[in-house]
Amino acid sequence: MAVVASNPALRAAVVEASAATERAIVDQLVTDGTSAFEARVAAGACLGAATAALLAIAEAEGSLTDVITRALQILGPGEDEVP
């Protein structure tokens, strides 16, 4: 991932691939009954956090799982963590 993070063209390809993934997630969330707005916000936030974590993994401490988990925790507590 360090090569991707340091190369603008490769970073752009990651962003484009993430956009396609985001569209697929949004479509499924809407099909399952989530409003389009909420689906776009949730998918965009989660994918943004995951992408930032992947691009930072070269300089981050811990495993890929640890880094992605930390990135997603920044967005807020998970459903099972809400009081």
N, C-alpha and C. Protein backbone atom coordinates (compact mmCIF):
# COMPACT_ATOMS: atom_id res chain seq x y z
N MET A 1 0.82 -1.20 0.00
CA MET A 1 0.00 0.00 0.00
C MET A 1 0.86 1.26 0.00
N ALA A 2 2.10 1.15 0.45
CA ALA A 2 2.96 2.33 0.46
C ALA A 2 3.17 2.87 -0.95
N VAL A 3 3.29 1.98 -1.93
CA VAL A 3 3.47 2.40 -3.32
C VAL A 3 2.22 3.14 -3.79
N VAL A 4 1.06 2.59 -3.47
CA VAL A 4 -0.21 3.22 -3.85
C VAL A 4 -0.33 4.59 -3.20
N ALA A 5 -0.02 4.66 -1.91
CA ALA A 5 -0.16 5.91 -1.17
C ALA A 5 0.74 7.00 -1.72
N SER A 6 1.89 6.62 -2.28
CA SER A 6 2.84 7.63 -2.76
C SER A 6 2.70 7.96 -4.24
N ASN A 7 1.78 7.29 -4.93
CA ASN A 7 1.63 7.50 -6.38
C ASN A 7 0.25 8.09 -6.68
N PRO A 8 0.20 9.35 -7.14
CA PRO A 8 -1.09 10.00 -7.40
C PRO A 8 -2.01 9.22 -8.34
N ALA A 9 -1.47 8.60 -9.36
CA ALA A 9 -2.32 7.86 -10.31
C ALA A 9 -2.93 6.63 -9.64
N LEU A 10 -2.14 5.95 -8.82
CA LEU A 10 -2.66 4.78 -8.12
C LEU A 10 -3.67 5.18 -7.05
N ARG A 11 -3.41 6.29 -6.38
CA ARG A 11 -4.38 6.78 -5.38
C ARG A 11 -5.70 7.10 -6.07
N ALA A 12 -5.65 7.70 -7.25
CA ALA A 12 -6.87 8.01 -8.01
C ALA A 12 -7.63 6.74 -8.38
N ALA A 13 -6.90 5.69 -8.72
CA ALA A 13 -7.54 4.41 -9.04
C ALA A 13 -8.24 3.84 -7.82
N VAL A 14 -7.65 4.00 -6.64
CA VAL A 14 -8.28 3.53 -5.41
C VAL A 14 -9.58 4.30 -5.17
N VAL A 15 -9.53 5.60 -5.39
CA VAL A 15 -10.74 6.43 -5.20
C VAL A 15 -11.83 5.99 -6.16
N GLU A 16 -11.49 5.74 -7.42
CA GLU A 16 -12.49 5.30 -8.41
C GLU A 16 -13.08 3.95 -8.04
N ALA A 17 -12.24 3.03 -7.61
CA ALA A 17 -12.74 1.72 -7.19
C ALA A 17 -13.65 1.85 -5.97
N SER A 18 -13.30 2.75 -5.07
CA SER A 18 -14.13 2.98 -3.88
C SER A 18 -15.48 3.56 -4.27
N ALA A 19 -15.51 4.41 -5.28
CA ALA A 19 -16.78 4.99 -5.73
C ALA A 19 -17.72 3.91 -6.25
N ALA A 20 -17.18 2.96 -6.98
CA ALA A 20 -18.01 1.86 -7.49
C ALA A 20 -18.53 1.01 -6.33
N THR A 21 -17.68 0.75 -5.36
CA THR A 21 -18.09 -0.01 -4.18
C THR A 21 -19.16 0.75 -3.40
N GLU A 22 -18.96 2.05 -3.27
CA GLU A 22 -19.93 2.88 -2.56
C GLU A 22 -21.29 2.82 -3.23
N ARG A 23 -21.32 2.90 -4.55
CA ARG A 23 -22.60 2.82 -5.28
C ARG A 23 -23.30 1.49 -5.00
N ALA A 24 -22.54 0.41 -4.99
CA ALA A 24 -23.13 -0.91 -4.74
C ALA A 24 -23.69 -1.00 -3.32
N ILE A 25 -22.95 -0.47 -2.34
CA ILE A 25 -23.42 -0.49 -0.95
C ILE A 25 -24.68 0.36 -0.80
N VAL A 26 -24.67 1.56 -1.39
CA VAL A 26 -25.83 2.44 -1.32
C VAL A 26 -27.05 1.77 -1.94
N ASP A 27 -26.87 1.18 -3.10
CA ASP A 27 -28.00 0.50 -3.75
C ASP A 27 -28.59 -0.58 -2.85
N GLN A 28 -27.73 -1.36 -2.20
CA GLN A 28 -28.24 -2.43 -1.34
C GLN A 28 -28.92 -1.87 -0.10
N LEU A 29 -28.33 -0.85 0.51
CA LEU A 29 -28.94 -0.24 1.69
C LEU A 29 -30.31 0.33 1.36
N VAL A 30 -30.43 1.00 0.22
CA VAL A 30 -31.72 1.55 -0.20
C VAL A 30 -32.72 0.43 -0.45
N THR A 31 -32.28 -0.63 -1.09
CA THR A 31 -33.15 -1.80 -1.32
C THR A 31 -33.65 -2.36 0.01
N ASP A 32 -32.79 -2.31 1.02
CA ASP A 32 -33.15 -2.85 2.34
C ASP A 32 -33.97 -1.87 3.18
N GLY A 33 -34.25 -0.66 2.64
CA GLY A 33 -35.14 0.26 3.33
C GLY A 33 -34.50 1.50 3.92
N THR A 34 -33.20 1.67 3.77
CA THR A 34 -32.53 2.87 4.27
C THR A 34 -32.79 4.01 3.29
N SER A 35 -32.95 5.23 3.82
CA SER A 35 -33.14 6.36 2.91
C SER A 35 -31.87 6.54 2.08
N ALA A 36 -32.03 7.09 0.88
CA ALA A 36 -30.88 7.28 -0.02
C ALA A 36 -29.83 8.18 0.63
N PHE A 37 -30.27 9.24 1.31
CA PHE A 37 -29.34 10.14 1.96
C PHE A 37 -28.53 9.42 3.03
N GLU A 38 -29.22 8.72 3.92
CA GLU A 38 -28.52 7.99 4.99
C GLU A 38 -27.59 6.93 4.42
N ALA A 39 -28.02 6.27 3.37
CA ALA A 39 -27.19 5.24 2.75
C ALA A 39 -25.92 5.85 2.17
N ARG A 40 -26.04 6.98 1.49
CA ARG A 40 -24.85 7.64 0.91
C ARG A 40 -23.90 8.11 1.99
N VAL A 41 -24.44 8.69 3.06
CA VAL A 41 -23.58 9.18 4.15
C VAL A 41 -22.87 8.01 4.82
N ALA A 42 -23.60 6.96 5.15
CA ALA A 42 -23.00 5.82 5.85
C ALA A 42 -21.95 5.13 4.99
N ALA A 43 -22.29 4.88 3.74
CA ALA A 43 -21.34 4.20 2.85
C ALA A 43 -20.10 5.05 2.62
N GLY A 44 -20.30 6.34 2.37
CA GLY A 44 -19.18 7.23 2.13
C GLY A 44 -18.27 7.35 3.35
N ALA A 45 -18.86 7.46 4.52
CA ALA A 45 -18.07 7.59 5.74
C ALA A 45 -17.25 6.33 6.01
N CYS A 46 -17.90 5.19 5.91
CA CYS A 46 -17.19 3.93 6.18
C CYS A 46 -16.09 3.66 5.16
N LEU A 47 -16.39 3.87 3.89
CA LEU A 47 -15.37 3.64 2.86
C LEU A 47 -14.25 4.67 2.95
N GLY A 48 -14.58 5.90 3.29
CA GLY A 48 -13.55 6.91 3.47
C GLY A 48 -12.60 6.54 4.60
N ALA A 49 -13.16 6.09 5.71
CA ALA A 49 -12.33 5.68 6.85
C ALA A 49 -11.47 4.48 6.49
N ALA A 50 -12.05 3.50 5.81
CA ALA A 50 -11.30 2.31 5.43
C ALA A 50 -10.19 2.65 4.43
N THR A 51 -10.49 3.52 3.47
CA THR A 51 -9.49 3.91 2.48
C THR A 51 -8.35 4.68 3.14
N ALA A 52 -8.68 5.61 4.03
CA ALA A 52 -7.64 6.36 4.74
C ALA A 52 -6.75 5.41 5.53
N ALA A 53 -7.36 4.42 6.16
CA ALA A 53 -6.58 3.45 6.94
C ALA A 53 -5.67 2.63 6.03
N LEU A 54 -6.19 2.18 4.90
CA LEU A 54 -5.37 1.40 3.97
C LEU A 54 -4.19 2.20 3.44
N LEU A 55 -4.42 3.46 3.14
CA LEU A 55 -3.35 4.29 2.61
C LEU A 55 -2.33 4.67 3.69
N ALA A 56 -2.74 4.62 4.95
CA ALA A 56 -1.84 4.97 6.04
C ALA A 56 -1.16 3.76 6.66
N ILE A 57 -1.50 2.57 6.24
CA ILE A 57 -1.00 1.36 6.89
C ILE A 57 0.52 1.29 6.89
N ALA A 58 1.16 1.82 5.89
CA ALA A 58 2.63 1.76 5.82
C ALA A 58 3.27 2.49 6.99
N GLU A 59 2.63 3.54 7.48
CA GLU A 59 3.21 4.30 8.58
C GLU A 59 2.50 4.06 9.90
N ALA A 60 1.47 3.25 9.90
CA ALA A 60 0.68 3.01 11.11
C ALA A 60 1.28 1.85 11.90
N GLU A 61 0.97 1.86 13.16
CA GLU A 61 1.37 0.75 14.02
C GLU A 61 0.22 -0.21 14.15
N GLY A 62 0.51 -1.48 14.16
CA GLY A 62 -0.52 -2.49 14.34
C GLY A 62 -0.84 -3.18 13.03
N SER A 63 -1.74 -4.14 13.13
CA SER A 63 -2.15 -4.93 11.97
C SER A 63 -3.15 -4.14 11.14
N LEU A 64 -3.40 -4.64 9.94
CA LEU A 64 -4.41 -4.02 9.08
C LEU A 64 -5.76 -3.98 9.80
N THR A 65 -6.10 -5.06 10.47
CA THR A 65 -7.37 -5.12 11.21
C THR A 65 -7.40 -4.03 12.28
N ASP A 66 -6.31 -3.86 13.01
CA ASP A 66 -6.25 -2.83 14.05
C ASP A 66 -6.44 -1.43 13.48
N VAL A 67 -5.76 -1.16 12.36
CA VAL A 67 -5.81 0.18 11.76
C VAL A 67 -7.21 0.47 11.23
N ILE A 68 -7.82 -0.48 10.55
CA ILE A 68 -9.18 -0.26 10.03
C ILE A 68 -10.18 -0.13 11.17
N THR A 69 -10.03 -0.95 12.20
CA THR A 69 -10.92 -0.84 13.36
C THR A 69 -10.81 0.53 14.00
N ARG A 70 -9.59 1.04 14.17
CA ARG A 70 -9.41 2.38 14.74
C ARG A 70 -10.05 3.44 13.86
N ALA A 71 -9.89 3.30 12.55
CA ALA A 71 -10.47 4.29 11.62
C ALA A 71 -12.00 4.29 11.73
N LEU A 72 -12.61 3.13 11.79
CA LEU A 72 -14.07 3.06 11.89
C LEU A 72 -14.56 3.53 13.26
N GLN A 73 -13.78 3.32 14.30
CA GLN A 73 -14.17 3.79 15.63
C GLN A 73 -14.24 5.31 15.70
N ILE A 74 -13.46 5.97 14.87
CA ILE A 74 -13.50 7.44 14.83
C ILE A 74 -14.88 7.92 14.41
N LEU A 75 -15.57 7.12 13.58
CA LEU A 75 -16.90 7.50 13.10
C LEU A 75 -17.95 7.42 14.19
N GLY A 76 -17.72 6.64 15.21
CA GLY A 76 -18.67 6.51 16.30
C GLY A 76 -18.80 5.08 16.75
N PRO A 77 -19.53 4.86 17.82
CA PRO A 77 -19.67 3.51 18.35
C PRO A 77 -20.48 2.61 17.43
N GLY A 78 -20.17 1.35 17.48
CA GLY A 78 -20.95 0.36 16.73
C GLY A 78 -22.28 0.14 17.41
N GLU A 79 -23.19 -0.50 16.72
CA GLU A 79 -24.54 -0.73 17.26
C GLU A 79 -24.49 -1.42 18.60
N ASP A 80 -23.59 -2.41 18.77
CA ASP A 80 -23.52 -3.13 20.02
C ASP A 80 -22.78 -2.34 21.11
N GLU A 81 -22.25 -1.17 20.76
CA GLU A 81 -21.55 -0.34 21.73
C GLU A 81 -22.38 0.85 22.21
N VAL A 82 -23.54 1.06 21.63
CA VAL A 82 -24.39 2.19 22.00
C VAL A 82 -25.08 1.85 23.33
N PRO A 83 -24.98 2.76 24.31
CA PRO A 83 -25.61 2.48 25.62
C PRO A 83 -27.11 2.37 25.54
